Amino acid sequence: MASHRKPKQRALTGATARTAATFVIAGAASATAFTDTGHADPKPAPDQVKSQVDALYQQAEQATQKYDAVKALADSARTQLTSLQDQLARRTQEINKSRDRLGSVAAAQYRSGEPDPAMRLMLSSRPDQYLERASMLQQVGTNQAATLGGLTTQERQAQALRDQAGRRLTLLEASERELATAKEAVTSELDHARDLLGQLTGSQDTAPHAPAPAPGTAHPQVQAPNSRAAQAVSFAHAQLGKPYVWGATGPNSYDCSGLTQAAWSAAGVSLPRTTYSQINSGARVPASQLQPGDLVFFYSSVSHVGLYIGDGQMIHAPHPGAPVRISPVAEMPFAGATRPA
């Protein structure tokens, strides 16, 4: 008879132990009740949770910048599509007018029952006058036919362009929906990690930063290298305390690149929409030569940007749940800087 002994339990070691520890950490926040004889799993250390949060913040920034890039392309495609539709409507109207004119000429000739042109020439007392008029009528008809043919060709071209723009817009909107879905997933994980951090520390946001000034409080005079940089910095100061919102470019909320774009726009300088493009929009500046107004970028993925204001400080829109604020440049891994002009 076969033996039915209980299998021997093996201790967790190596990668298996690390995997198990990860599940313990993930489950700590959701554990709400225990038996009288059971023991609660130990909560992870604040440093561990803070690392989780930082990683999720960076993922969120990357998702935001990708979303912003796709949204900018989609907006451009919509503008192009609207323009093509307007052109097509105008050309169609012109074609219809030409067709109406041609139809009127044909109807008038039918109603008049005029003889064949050769017979009219024989009966005319002024052959030279008839030939002149016939030539003019022929020229008018030729011009109308040429106009109609040209407009028809233009209409076909516009239709082809509109179809092309429509296909492009469809693809872009699909990408935008995909990115929005990815953002929702990251946001869900981010909310969970930040909730856990709040349970451990009593605060969901422990990063150091300077508070926003009270309404009506003047910010210190900024020694910027030029008037445009000073205007960009002044604009950024005025945004302190406004919320971070995915894909926002102001005036009531911003994401990181939306804030820097708006700040320099107030100074009359047009910047591209995303961090990936903004880092190539001006002269590169080493960290040792930063001046107020410079754009400072972070992480190897260049997924975050702030506006340098001097003394090692920047104004930036950090992440969901954290408003526009002043922070040290050294707070995040520095990736580079540019000076718009």
C-alpha atoms as a PDB file:
ATOM      1  CA  MET A   1       0.000   0.000   0.000  1.00  0.00           C
ATOM      2  CA  ALA A   2       1.323   3.441  -0.907  1.00  0.00           C
ATOM      3  CA  SER A   3       2.449   5.727   1.865  1.00  0.00           C
ATOM      4  CA  HIS A   4       0.536   9.004   2.446  1.00  0.00           C
ATOM      5  CA  ARG A   5       3.046  10.925   4.467  1.00  0.00           C
ATOM      6  CA  LYS A   6       2.813  14.751   4.574  1.00  0.00           C
ATOM      7  CA  PRO A   7       5.342  16.369   2.240  1.00  0.00           C
ATOM      8  CA  LYS A   8       8.330  17.899   3.946  1.00  0.00           C
ATOM      9  CA  GLN A   9       8.241  21.720   4.170  1.00  0.00           C
ATOM     10  CA  ARG A  10      11.340  23.433   2.740  1.00  0.00           C
ATOM     11  CA  ALA A  11      12.702  26.770   3.906  1.00  0.00           C
ATOM     12  CA  LEU A  12      12.590  29.692   1.468  1.00  0.00           C
ATOM     13  CA  THR A  13      16.000  30.754   0.278  1.00  0.00           C
ATOM     14  CA  GLY A  14      17.546  33.033  -2.324  1.00  0.00           C
ATOM     15  CA  ALA A  15      15.241  34.477  -4.977  1.00  0.00           C
ATOM     16  CA  THR A  16      12.276  32.609  -3.530  1.00  0.00           C
ATOM     17  CA  ALA A  17      12.729  34.368  -0.220  1.00  0.00           C
ATOM     18  CA  ARG A  18      13.047  37.736  -1.871  1.00  0.00           C
ATOM     19  CA  THR A  19       9.854  37.123  -3.856  1.00  0.00           C
ATOM     20  CA  ALA A  20       8.028  36.150  -0.719  1.00  0.00           C
ATOM     21  CA  ALA A  21       9.274  39.291   1.028  1.00  0.00           C
ATOM     22  CA  THR A  22       7.919  41.393  -1.801  1.00  0.00           C
ATOM     23  CA  PHE A  23       4.461  39.895  -1.365  1.00  0.00           C
ATOM     24  CA  VAL A  24       4.679  40.531   2.362  1.00  0.00           C
ATOM     25  CA  ILE A  25       5.411  44.205   1.711  1.00  0.00           C
ATOM     26  CA  ALA A  26       2.626  44.516  -0.872  1.00  0.00           C
ATOM     27  CA  GLY A  27       0.123  42.869   1.445  1.00  0.00           C
ATOM     28  CA  ALA A  28       0.977  44.880   4.557  1.00  0.00           C
ATOM     29  CA  ALA A  29      -1.238  47.836   3.655  1.00  0.00           C
ATOM     30  CA  SER A  30      -4.323  45.745   2.926  1.00  0.00           C
ATOM     31  CA  ALA A  31      -4.203  43.577   6.044  1.00  0.00           C
ATOM     32  CA  THR A  32      -6.960  44.899   8.333  1.00  0.00           C
ATOM     33  CA  ALA A  33      -7.830  42.068  10.713  1.00  0.00           C
ATOM     34  CA  PHE A  34      -6.041  39.221  12.425  1.00  0.00           C
ATOM     35  CA  THR A  35      -7.055  36.276  14.594  1.00  0.00           C
ATOM     36  CA  ASP A  36      -6.407  36.388  18.328  1.00  0.00           C
ATOM     37  CA  THR A  37      -3.505  34.007  17.976  1.00  0.00           C
ATOM     38  CA  GLY A  38      -2.185  35.395  14.645  1.00  0.00           C
ATOM     39  CA  HIS A  39       0.494  38.008  14.145  1.00  0.00           C
ATOM     40  CA  ALA A  40       0.414  40.976  11.745  1.00  0.00           C
ATOM     41  CA  ASP A  41       3.061  40.965   9.034  1.00  0.00           C
ATOM     42  CA  PRO A  42       5.691  43.622   9.781  1.00  0.00           C
ATOM     43  CA  LYS A  43       5.191  46.876   7.906  1.00  0.00           C
ATOM     44  CA  PRO A  44       7.959  47.775   5.487  1.00  0.00           C
ATOM     45  CA  ALA A  45      10.422  50.446   6.527  1.00  0.00           C
ATOM     46  CA  PRO A  46       9.674  54.011   5.421  1.00  0.00           C
ATOM     47  CA  ASP A  47      12.770  54.017   3.232  1.00  0.00           C
ATOM     48  CA  GLN A  48      11.497  50.982   1.339  1.00  0.00           C
ATOM     49  CA  VAL A  49       8.112  52.551   0.713  1.00  0.00           C
ATOM     50  CA  LYS A  50       9.679  55.882  -0.228  1.00  0.00           C
ATOM     51  CA  SER A  51      11.760  54.065  -2.851  1.00  0.00           C
ATOM     52  CA  GLN A  52       8.563  52.513  -4.215  1.00  0.00           C
ATOM     53  CA  VAL A  53       6.925  55.909  -4.384  1.00  0.00           C
ATOM     54  CA  ASP A  54       9.907  57.546  -6.081  1.00  0.00           C
ATOM     55  CA  ALA A  55      10.014  54.800  -8.704  1.00  0.00           C
ATOM     56  CA  LEU A  56       6.299  55.193  -9.363  1.00  0.00           C
ATOM     57  CA  TYR A  57       6.640  58.964  -9.603  1.00  0.00           C
ATOM     58  CA  GLN A  58       9.276  58.506 -12.276  1.00  0.00           C
ATOM     59  CA  GLN A  59       7.106  56.017 -14.168  1.00  0.00           C
ATOM     60  CA  ALA A  60       4.242  58.486 -13.964  1.00  0.00           C
ATOM     61  CA  GLU A  61       6.412  61.281 -15.383  1.00  0.00           C
ATOM     62  CA  GLN A  62       7.523  59.089 -18.281  1.00  0.00           C
ATOM     63  CA  ALA A  63       3.899  58.181 -19.027  1.00  0.00           C
ATOM     64  CA  THR A  64       2.907  61.840 -18.854  1.00  0.00           C
ATOM     65  CA  GLN A  65       5.592  62.970 -21.288  1.00  0.00           C
ATOM     66  CA  LYS A  66       4.657  60.241 -23.766  1.00  0.00           C
ATOM     67  CA  TYR A  67       1.007  61.228 -23.395  1.00  0.00           C
ATOM     68  CA  ASP A  68       1.862  64.903 -23.936  1.00  0.00           C
ATOM     69  CA  ALA A  69       3.790  64.085 -27.124  1.00  0.00           C
ATOM     70  CA  VAL A  70       0.921  62.043 -28.558  1.00  0.00           C
ATOM     71  CA  LYS A  71      -1.611  64.684 -27.543  1.00  0.00           C
ATOM     72  CA  ALA A  72       0.409  67.419 -29.284  1.00  0.00           C
ATOM     73  CA  LEU A  73       0.520  65.344 -32.467  1.00  0.00           C
ATOM     74  CA  ALA A  74      -3.193  64.608 -32.240  1.00  0.00           C
ATOM     75  CA  ASP A  75      -3.997  68.296 -31.774  1.00  0.00           C
ATOM     76  CA  SER A  76      -1.891  69.136 -34.825  1.00  0.00           C
ATOM     77  CA  ALA A  77      -3.641  66.448 -36.859  1.00  0.00           C
ATOM     78  CA  ARG A  78      -7.046  67.798 -35.823  1.00  0.00           C
ATOM     79  CA  THR A  79      -6.032  71.296 -36.902  1.00  0.00           C
ATOM     80  CA  GLN A  80      -4.814  69.996 -40.259  1.00  0.00           C
ATOM     81  CA  LEU A  81      -7.995  68.000 -40.727  1.00  0.00           C
ATOM     82  CA  THR A  82     -10.172  71.028 -40.002  1.00  0.00           C
ATOM     83  CA  SER A  83      -8.180  73.097 -42.490  1.00  0.00           C
ATOM     84  CA  LEU A  84      -8.555  70.429 -45.173  1.00  0.00           C
ATOM     85  CA  GLN A  85     -12.273  70.204 -44.562  1.00  0.00           C
ATOM     86  CA  ASP A  86     -12.598  73.978 -44.910  1.00  0.00           C
ATOM     87  CA  GLN A  87     -10.614  73.948 -48.154  1.00  0.00           C
ATOM     88  CA  LEU A  88     -12.747  71.118 -49.493  1.00  0.00           C
ATOM     89  CA  ALA A  89     -15.963  72.959 -48.623  1.00  0.00           C
ATOM     90  CA  ARG A  90     -14.781  76.101 -50.422  1.00  0.00           C
ATOM     91  CA  ARG A  91     -13.670  74.178 -53.490  1.00  0.00           C
ATOM     92  CA  THR A  92     -16.907  72.225 -53.614  1.00  0.00           C
ATOM     93  CA  GLN A  93     -18.848  75.484 -53.490  1.00  0.00           C
ATOM     94  CA  GLU A  94     -16.791  76.894 -56.365  1.00  0.00           C
ATOM     95  CA  ILE A  95     -17.296  73.728 -58.384  1.00  0.00           C
ATOM     96  CA  ASN A  96     -21.043  73.886 -57.836  1.00  0.00           C
ATOM     97  CA  LYS A  97     -21.101  77.507 -58.990  1.00  0.00           C
ATOM     98  CA  SER A  98     -19.187  76.593 -62.146  1.00  0.00           C
ATOM     99  CA  ARG A  99     -21.567  73.723 -62.824  1.00  0.00           C
ATOM    100  CA  ASP A 100     -24.529  76.040 -62.352  1.00  0.00           C
ATOM    101  CA  ARG A 101     -23.086  78.518 -64.831  1.00  0.00           C
ATOM    102  CA  LEU A 102     -22.414  75.789 -67.375  1.00  0.00           C
ATOM    103  CA  GLY A 103     -25.910  74.423 -66.885  1.00  0.00           C
ATOM    104  CA  SER A 104     -27.429  77.861 -67.412  1.00  0.00           C
ATOM    105  CA  VAL A 105     -25.583  78.305 -70.721  1.00  0.00           C
ATOM    106  CA  ALA A 106     -26.686  74.883 -71.932  1.00  0.00           C
ATOM    107  CA  ALA A 107     -30.287  75.499 -70.907  1.00  0.00           C
ATOM    108  CA  ALA A 108     -30.360  78.885 -72.666  1.00  0.00           C
ATOM    109  CA  GLN A 109     -29.081  77.366 -75.895  1.00  0.00           C
ATOM    110  CA  TYR A 110     -31.652  74.594 -75.700  1.00  0.00           C
ATOM    111  CA  ARG A 111     -34.536  77.008 -75.092  1.00  0.00           C
ATOM    112  CA  SER A 112     -33.461  79.424 -77.872  1.00  0.00           C
ATOM    113  CA  GLY A 113     -33.482  76.677 -80.480  1.00  0.00           C
ATOM    114  CA  GLU A 114     -30.729  78.531 -82.328  1.00  0.00           C
ATOM    115  CA  PRO A 115     -29.589  76.989 -85.633  1.00  0.00           C
ATOM    116  CA  ASP A 116     -26.388  75.186 -86.181  1.00  0.00           C
ATOM    117  CA  PRO A 117     -23.362  77.532 -86.057  1.00  0.00           C
ATOM    118  CA  ALA A 118     -22.580  76.842 -89.736  1.00  0.00           C
ATOM    119  CA  MET A 119     -26.111  77.890 -90.749  1.00  0.00           C
ATOM    120  CA  ARG A 120     -25.905  80.987 -88.545  1.00  0.00           C
ATOM    121  CA  LEU A 121     -22.710  81.945 -90.327  1.00  0.00           C
ATOM    122  CA  MET A 122     -24.432  81.620 -93.718  1.00  0.00           C
ATOM    123  CA  LEU A 123     -27.419  83.758 -92.614  1.00  0.00           C
ATOM    124  CA  SER A 124     -25.438  86.385 -90.775  1.00  0.00           C
ATOM    125  CA  SER A 125     -25.098  89.809 -92.388  1.00  0.00           C
ATOM    126  CA  ARG A 126     -21.934  90.359 -90.404  1.00  0.00           C
ATOM    127  CA  PRO A 127     -19.857  87.185 -90.621  1.00  0.00           C
ATOM    128  CA  ASP A 128     -16.912  88.876 -88.933  1.00  0.00           C
ATOM    129  CA  GLN A 129     -19.103  89.788 -85.929  1.00  0.00           C
ATOM    130  CA  TYR A 130     -20.489  86.304 -85.650  1.00  0.00           C
ATOM    131  CA  LEU A 131     -17.045  84.731 -85.732  1.00  0.00           C
ATOM    132  CA  GLU A 132     -15.870  87.111 -83.025  1.00  0.00           C
ATOM    133  CA  ARG A 133     -18.839  86.226 -80.781  1.00  0.00           C
ATOM    134  CA  ALA A 134     -18.510  82.515 -81.476  1.00  0.00           C
ATOM    135  CA  SER A 135     -14.834  82.680 -80.567  1.00  0.00           C
ATOM    136  CA  MET A 136     -15.670  84.471 -77.316  1.00  0.00           C
ATOM    137  CA  LEU A 137     -18.331  81.905 -76.431  1.00  0.00           C
ATOM    138  CA  GLN A 138     -15.954  79.084 -77.186  1.00  0.00           C
ATOM    139  CA  GLN A 139     -13.281  80.711 -75.037  1.00  0.00           C
ATOM    140  CA  VAL A 140     -15.741  81.140 -72.154  1.00  0.00           C
ATOM    141  CA  GLY A 141     -16.721  77.488 -72.407  1.00  0.00           C
ATOM    142  CA  THR A 142     -13.106  76.419 -72.543  1.00  0.00           C
ATOM    143  CA  ASN A 143     -12.271  78.510 -69.487  1.00  0.00           C
ATOM    144  CA  GLN A 144     -15.219  77.140 -67.573  1.00  0.00           C
ATOM    145  CA  ALA A 145     -14.269  73.577 -68.469  1.00  0.00           C
ATOM    146  CA  ALA A 146     -10.682  74.220 -67.413  1.00  0.00           C
ATOM    147  CA  THR A 147     -11.853  75.765 -64.157  1.00  0.00           C
ATOM    148  CA  LEU A 148     -14.172  72.851 -63.481  1.00  0.00           C
ATOM    149  CA  GLY A 149     -11.464  70.331 -64.265  1.00  0.00           C
ATOM    150  CA  GLY A 150      -8.960  72.123 -62.048  1.00  0.00           C
ATOM    151  CA  LEU A 151     -11.340  72.371 -59.136  1.00  0.00           C
ATOM    152  CA  THR A 152     -12.295  68.731 -59.488  1.00  0.00           C
ATOM    153  CA  THR A 153      -8.631  67.775 -59.364  1.00  0.00           C
ATOM    154  CA  GLN A 154      -8.126  69.951 -56.299  1.00  0.00           C
ATOM    155  CA  GLU A 155     -11.131  68.380 -54.665  1.00  0.00           C
ATOM    156  CA  ARG A 156      -9.740  64.905 -55.230  1.00  0.00           C
ATOM    157  CA  GLN A 157      -6.389  65.986 -53.806  1.00  0.00           C
ATOM    158  CA  ALA A 158      -8.021  67.557 -50.771  1.00  0.00           C
ATOM    159  CA  GLN A 159     -10.130  64.457 -50.232  1.00  0.00           C
ATOM    160  CA  ALA A 160      -7.028  62.282 -50.390  1.00  0.00           C
ATOM    161  CA  LEU A 161      -5.268  64.520 -47.876  1.00  0.00           C
ATOM    162  CA  ARG A 162      -8.307  64.518 -45.630  1.00  0.00           C
ATOM    163  CA  ASP A 163      -8.452  60.727 -45.744  1.00  0.00           C
ATOM    164  CA  GLN A 164      -4.768  60.566 -44.916  1.00  0.00           C
ATOM    165  CA  ALA A 165      -5.168  62.975 -42.009  1.00  0.00           C
ATOM    166  CA  GLY A 166      -8.179  61.026 -40.797  1.00  0.00           C
ATOM    167  CA  ARG A 167      -6.229  57.775 -40.773  1.00  0.00           C
ATOM    168  CA  ARG A 168      -3.369  59.474 -38.957  1.00  0.00           C
ATOM    169  CA  LEU A 169      -5.747  60.960 -36.411  1.00  0.00           C
ATOM    170  CA  THR A 170      -7.343  57.580 -35.805  1.00  0.00           C
ATOM    171  CA  LEU A 171      -3.948  56.057 -35.064  1.00  0.00           C
ATOM    172  CA  LEU A 172      -3.004  58.922 -32.781  1.00  0.00           C
ATOM    173  CA  GLU A 173      -6.251  58.728 -30.861  1.00  0.00           C
ATOM    174  CA  ALA A 174      -5.738  54.994 -30.407  1.00  0.00           C
ATOM    175  CA  SER A 175      -2.250  55.690 -29.028  1.00  0.00           C
ATOM    176  CA  GLU A 176      -3.652  58.377 -26.774  1.00  0.00           C
ATOM    177  CA  ARG A 177      -6.238  55.975 -25.374  1.00  0.00           C
ATOM    178  CA  GLU A 178      -3.530  53.373 -24.829  1.00  0.00           C
ATOM    179  CA  LEU A 179      -1.361  55.853 -22.964  1.00  0.00           C
ATOM    180  CA  ALA A 180      -4.321  57.032 -20.904  1.00  0.00           C
ATOM    181  CA  THR A 181      -4.968  53.432 -19.882  1.00  0.00           C
ATOM    182  CA  ALA A 182      -1.316  53.019 -18.914  1.00  0.00           C
ATOM    183  CA  LYS A 183      -1.511  56.206 -16.865  1.00  0.00           C
ATOM    184  CA  GLU A 184      -4.530  54.901 -15.002  1.00  0.00           C
ATOM    185  CA  ALA A 185      -2.633  51.754 -14.080  1.00  0.00           C
ATOM    186  CA  VAL A 186       0.370  53.732 -12.838  1.00  0.00           C
ATOM    187  CA  THR A 187      -1.892  56.121 -10.935  1.00  0.00           C
ATOM    188  CA  SER A 188      -3.568  53.211  -9.181  1.00  0.00           C
ATOM    189  CA  GLU A 189      -0.221  51.799  -8.074  1.00  0.00           C
ATOM    190  CA  LEU A 190       0.978  55.275  -7.134  1.00  0.00           C
ATOM    191  CA  ASP A 191      -2.078  55.925  -4.975  1.00  0.00           C
ATOM    192  CA  HIS A 192      -1.573  52.610  -3.185  1.00  0.00           C
ATOM    193  CA  ALA A 193       2.086  53.277  -2.476  1.00  0.00           C
ATOM    194  CA  ARG A 194       1.423  56.827  -1.305  1.00  0.00           C
ATOM    195  CA  ASP A 195      -1.395  55.636   0.961  1.00  0.00           C
ATOM    196  CA  LEU A 196       0.983  53.140   2.515  1.00  0.00           C
ATOM    197  CA  LEU A 197       3.594  55.864   2.966  1.00  0.00           C
ATOM    198  CA  GLY A 198       0.974  58.014   4.657  1.00  0.00           C
ATOM    199  CA  GLN A 199       0.176  55.218   7.116  1.00  0.00           C
ATOM    200  CA  LEU A 200       3.826  54.847   7.991  1.00  0.00           C
ATOM    201  CA  THR A 201       4.819  58.487   8.251  1.00  0.00           C
ATOM    202  CA  GLY A 202       1.603  60.410   8.710  1.00  0.00           C
ATOM    203  CA  SER A 203       2.304  62.295   5.497  1.00  0.00           C
ATOM    204  CA  GLN A 204       1.875  61.324   1.889  1.00  0.00           C
ATOM    205  CA  ASP A 205       4.477  63.795   0.672  1.00  0.00           C
ATOM    206  CA  THR A 206       7.690  64.158   2.634  1.00  0.00           C
ATOM    207  CA  ALA A 207       9.896  65.729  -0.025  1.00  0.00           C
ATOM    208  CA  PRO A 208      11.441  69.022   1.146  1.00  0.00           C
ATOM    209  CA  HIS A 209      10.146  72.136  -0.504  1.00  0.00           C
ATOM    210  CA  ALA A 210       9.552  75.799   0.103  1.00  0.00           C
ATOM    211  CA  PRO A 211       5.928  76.740   0.792  1.00  0.00           C
ATOM    212  CA  ALA A 212       3.987  78.852  -1.649  1.00  0.00           C
ATOM    213  CA  PRO A 213       3.910  82.534  -0.687  1.00  0.00           C
ATOM    214  CA  ALA A 214       0.761  84.030   0.737  1.00  0.00           C
ATOM    215  CA  PRO A 215      -1.488  85.857  -1.748  1.00  0.00           C
ATOM    216  CA  GLY A 216      -0.170  89.325  -2.436  1.00  0.00           C
ATOM    217  CA  THR A 217       3.290  88.539  -1.090  1.00  0.00           C
ATOM    218  CA  ALA A 218       6.034  89.754  -3.383  1.00  0.00           C
ATOM    219  CA  HIS A 219       8.716  87.209  -4.204  1.00  0.00           C
ATOM    220  CA  PRO A 220      12.393  88.250  -3.950  1.00  0.00           C
ATOM    221  CA  GLN A 221      13.997  90.100  -6.822  1.00  0.00           C
ATOM    222  CA  VAL A 222      15.518  87.589  -9.225  1.00  0.00           C
ATOM    223  CA  GLN A 223      18.912  88.337 -10.731  1.00  0.00           C
ATOM    224  CA  ALA A 224      18.321  86.803 -14.133  1.00  0.00           C
ATOM    225  CA  PRO A 225      20.780  87.180 -17.031  1.00  0.00           C
ATOM    226  CA  ASN A 226      18.246  89.022 -19.201  1.00  0.00           C
ATOM    227  CA  SER A 227      14.712  90.402 -19.179  1.00  0.00           C
ATOM    228  CA  ARG A 228      13.182  87.335 -20.830  1.00  0.00           C
ATOM    229  CA  ALA A 229      14.657  84.945 -18.278  1.00  0.00           C
ATOM    230  CA  ALA A 230      13.501  87.256 -15.489  1.00  0.00           C
ATOM    231  CA  GLN A 231       9.986  87.268 -16.937  1.00  0.00           C
ATOM    232  CA  ALA A 232       9.934  83.457 -17.151  1.00  0.00           C
ATOM    233  CA  VAL A 233      11.030  83.164 -13.525  1.00  0.00           C
ATOM    234  CA  SER A 234       8.492  85.778 -12.428  1.00  0.00           C
ATOM    235  CA  PHE A 235       5.729  83.848 -14.189  1.00  0.00           C
ATOM    236  CA  ALA A 236       6.815  80.596 -12.508  1.00  0.00           C
ATOM    237  CA  HIS A 237       6.726  82.270  -9.075  1.00  0.00           C
ATOM    238  CA  ALA A 238       3.144  83.333  -9.742  1.00  0.00           C
ATOM    239  CA  GLN A 239       2.145  79.691 -10.305  1.00  0.00           C
ATOM    240  CA  LEU A 240       3.335  78.438  -6.898  1.00  0.00           C
ATOM    241  CA  GLY A 241       0.692  76.361  -5.169  1.00  0.00           C
ATOM    242  CA  LYS A 242      -1.239  75.424  -8.314  1.00  0.00           C
ATOM    243  CA  PRO A 243      -1.955  71.695  -8.696  1.00  0.00           C
ATOM    244  CA  TYR A 244      -0.155  69.150 -10.841  1.00  0.00           C
ATOM    245  CA  VAL A 245      -2.511  67.660 -13.439  1.00  0.00           C
ATOM    246  CA  TRP A 246      -1.740  65.159 -16.195  1.00  0.00           C
ATOM    247  CA  GLY A 247      -1.154  66.907 -19.518  1.00  0.00           C
ATOM    248  CA  ALA A 248      -2.043  70.374 -18.179  1.00  0.00           C
ATOM    249  CA  THR A 249      -0.472  73.534 -19.600  1.00  0.00           C
ATOM    250  CA  GLY A 250      -2.217  76.127 -17.417  1.00  0.00           C
ATOM    251  CA  PRO A 251      -3.453  78.512 -16.421  1.00  0.00           C
ATOM    252  CA  ASN A 252      -4.972  76.701 -13.424  1.00  0.00           C
ATOM    253  CA  SER A 253      -2.822  73.561 -13.336  1.00  0.00           C
ATOM    254  CA  TYR A 254       0.324  72.129 -14.927  1.00  0.00           C
ATOM    255  CA  ASP A 255       2.483  69.119 -15.483  1.00  0.00           C
ATOM    256  CA  CYS A 256       6.243  69.659 -15.364  1.00  0.00           C
ATOM    257  CA  SER A 257       6.876  70.486 -19.024  1.00  0.00           C
ATOM    258  CA  GLY A 258       3.589  72.362 -19.262  1.00  0.00           C
ATOM    259  CA  LEU A 259       4.826  74.740 -16.548  1.00  0.00           C
ATOM    260  CA  THR A 260       8.193  75.442 -18.177  1.00  0.00           C
ATOM    261  CA  GLN A 261       6.548  75.874 -21.572  1.00  0.00           C
ATOM    262  CA  ALA A 262       4.053  78.374 -20.134  1.00  0.00           C
ATOM    263  CA  ALA A 263       6.762  80.259 -18.225  1.00  0.00           C
ATOM    264  CA  TRP A 264       8.888  80.856 -21.301  1.00  0.00           C
ATOM    265  CA  SER A 265       5.813  81.538 -23.427  1.00  0.00           C
ATOM    266  CA  ALA A 266       5.070  84.431 -21.060  1.00  0.00           C
ATOM    267  CA  ALA A 267       8.538  85.722 -21.955  1.00  0.00           C
ATOM    268  CA  GLY A 268       7.820  85.474 -25.678  1.00  0.00           C
ATOM    269  CA  VAL A 269       9.744  82.252 -26.318  1.00  0.00           C
ATOM    270  CA  SER A 270       8.030  79.194 -27.792  1.00  0.00           C
ATOM    271  CA  LEU A 271       9.164  75.873 -26.326  1.00  0.00           C
ATOM    272  CA  PRO A 272       8.126  72.389 -27.502  1.00  0.00           C
ATOM    273  CA  ARG A 273       5.669  70.440 -25.386  1.00  0.00           C
ATOM    274  CA  THR A 274       7.687  67.614 -23.855  1.00  0.00           C
ATOM    275  CA  THR A 275      10.842  67.255 -21.770  1.00  0.00           C
ATOM    276  CA  TYR A 276      12.402  65.146 -24.541  1.00  0.00           C
ATOM    277  CA  SER A 277      12.066  68.076 -26.941  1.00  0.00           C
ATOM    278  CA  GLN A 278      12.694  70.909 -24.500  1.00  0.00           C
ATOM    279  CA  ILE A 279      16.150  69.610 -23.626  1.00  0.00           C
ATOM    280  CA  ASN A 280      17.122  70.207 -27.261  1.00  0.00           C
ATOM    281  CA  SER A 281      15.500  73.638 -27.524  1.00  0.00           C
ATOM    282  CA  GLY A 282      18.413  75.772 -26.317  1.00  0.00           C
ATOM    283  CA  ALA A 283      22.119  75.901 -25.620  1.00  0.00           C
ATOM    284  CA  ARG A 284      23.325  73.213 -23.224  1.00  0.00           C
ATOM    285  CA  VAL A 285      24.535  74.522 -19.853  1.00  0.00           C
ATOM    286  CA  PRO A 286      26.749  72.671 -17.342  1.00  0.00           C
ATOM    287  CA  ALA A 287      25.437  72.422 -13.809  1.00  0.00           C
ATOM    288  CA  SER A 288      28.202  74.715 -12.560  1.00  0.00           C
ATOM    289  CA  GLN A 289      27.022  77.577 -14.811  1.00  0.00           C
ATOM    290  CA  LEU A 290      23.274  77.547 -14.196  1.00  0.00           C
ATOM    291  CA  GLN A 291      21.470  80.903 -14.283  1.00  0.00           C
ATOM    292  CA  PRO A 292      17.875  81.833 -13.401  1.00  0.00           C
ATOM    293  CA  GLY A 293      15.553  80.873 -16.226  1.00  0.00           C
ATOM    294  CA  ASP A 294      17.526  77.818 -17.328  1.00  0.00           C
ATOM    295  CA  LEU A 295      15.644  74.559 -17.773  1.00  0.00           C
ATOM    296  CA  VAL A 296      16.952  71.753 -15.557  1.00  0.00           C
ATOM    297  CA  PHE A 297      16.222  68.128 -16.449  1.00  0.00           C
ATOM    298  CA  PHE A 298      16.278  64.965 -14.367  1.00  0.00           C
ATOM    299  CA  TYR A 299      16.616  61.190 -14.607  1.00  0.00           C
ATOM    300  CA  SER A 300      18.355  59.279 -17.370  1.00  0.00           C
ATOM    301  CA  SER A 301      15.058  59.176 -19.252  1.00  0.00           C
ATOM    302  CA  VAL A 302      14.868  63.011 -19.175  1.00  0.00           C
ATOM    303  CA  SER A 303      11.325  62.668 -17.846  1.00  0.00           C
ATOM    304  CA  HIS A 304      11.188  65.686 -15.515  1.00  0.00           C
ATOM    305  CA  VAL A 305      11.991  69.382 -15.899  1.00  0.00           C
ATOM    306  CA  GLY A 306      12.044  72.458 -13.687  1.00  0.00           C
ATOM    307  CA  LEU A 307      12.879  76.156 -14.011  1.00  0.00           C
ATOM    308  CA  TYR A 308      16.073  77.192 -12.248  1.00  0.00           C
ATOM    309  CA  ILE A 309      15.706  80.315 -10.051  1.00  0.00           C
ATOM    310  CA  GLY A 310      19.152  80.546  -8.460  1.00  0.00           C
ATOM    311  CA  ASP A 311      20.866  79.413  -5.249  1.00  0.00           C
ATOM    312  CA  GLY A 312      20.491  75.763  -6.228  1.00  0.00           C
ATOM    313  CA  GLN A 313      16.684  76.040  -6.304  1.00  0.00           C
ATOM    314  CA  MET A 314      14.079  75.471  -8.992  1.00  0.00           C
ATOM    315  CA  ILE A 315      10.343  75.914  -9.449  1.00  0.00           C
ATOM    316  CA  HIS A 316       8.636  72.796 -10.807  1.00  0.00           C
ATOM    317  CA  ALA A 317       5.412  70.816 -10.925  1.00  0.00           C
ATOM    318  CA  PRO A 318       6.542  67.657  -9.099  1.00  0.00           C
ATOM    319  CA  HIS A 319       3.898  64.951  -9.451  1.00  0.00           C
ATOM    320  CA  PRO A 320       0.230  64.167  -8.754  1.00  0.00           C
ATOM    321  CA  GLY A 321      -0.733  65.373  -5.306  1.00  0.00           C
ATOM    322  CA  ALA A 322       2.157  67.833  -5.063  1.00  0.00           C
ATOM    323  CA  PRO A 323       1.526  71.427  -6.185  1.00  0.00           C
ATOM    324  CA  VAL A 324       3.898  73.716  -8.056  1.00  0.00           C
ATOM    325  CA  ARG A 325       6.663  74.535  -5.611  1.00  0.00           C
ATOM    326  CA  ILE A 326      10.286  75.462  -4.972  1.00  0.00           C
ATOM    327  CA  SER A 327      12.672  72.546  -4.499  1.00  0.00           C
ATOM    328  CA  PRO A 328      16.422  71.946  -4.491  1.00  0.00           C
ATOM    329  CA  VAL A 329      17.885  70.935  -7.844  1.00  0.00           C
ATOM    330  CA  ALA A 330      19.839  68.270  -5.943  1.00  0.00           C
ATOM    331  CA  GLU A 331      16.557  66.587  -4.965  1.00  0.00           C
ATOM    332  CA  MET A 332      16.591  64.411  -8.118  1.00  0.00           C
ATOM    333  CA  PRO A 333      19.237  62.850 -10.397  1.00  0.00           C
ATOM    334  CA  PHE A 334      20.429  65.695 -12.658  1.00  0.00           C
ATOM    335  CA  ALA A 335      20.366  64.889 -16.402  1.00  0.00           C
ATOM    336  CA  GLY A 336      21.261  68.231 -18.004  1.00  0.00           C
ATOM    337  CA  ALA A 337      20.233  71.836 -18.537  1.00  0.00           C
ATOM    338  CA  THR A 338      19.461  74.181 -21.412  1.00  0.00           C
ATOM    339  CA  ARG A 339      19.152  77.934 -21.787  1.00  0.00           C
ATOM    340  CA  PRO A 340      16.272  79.031 -24.027  1.00  0.00           C
ATOM    341  CA  ALA A 341      16.805  82.120 -26.161  1.00  0.00           C
END
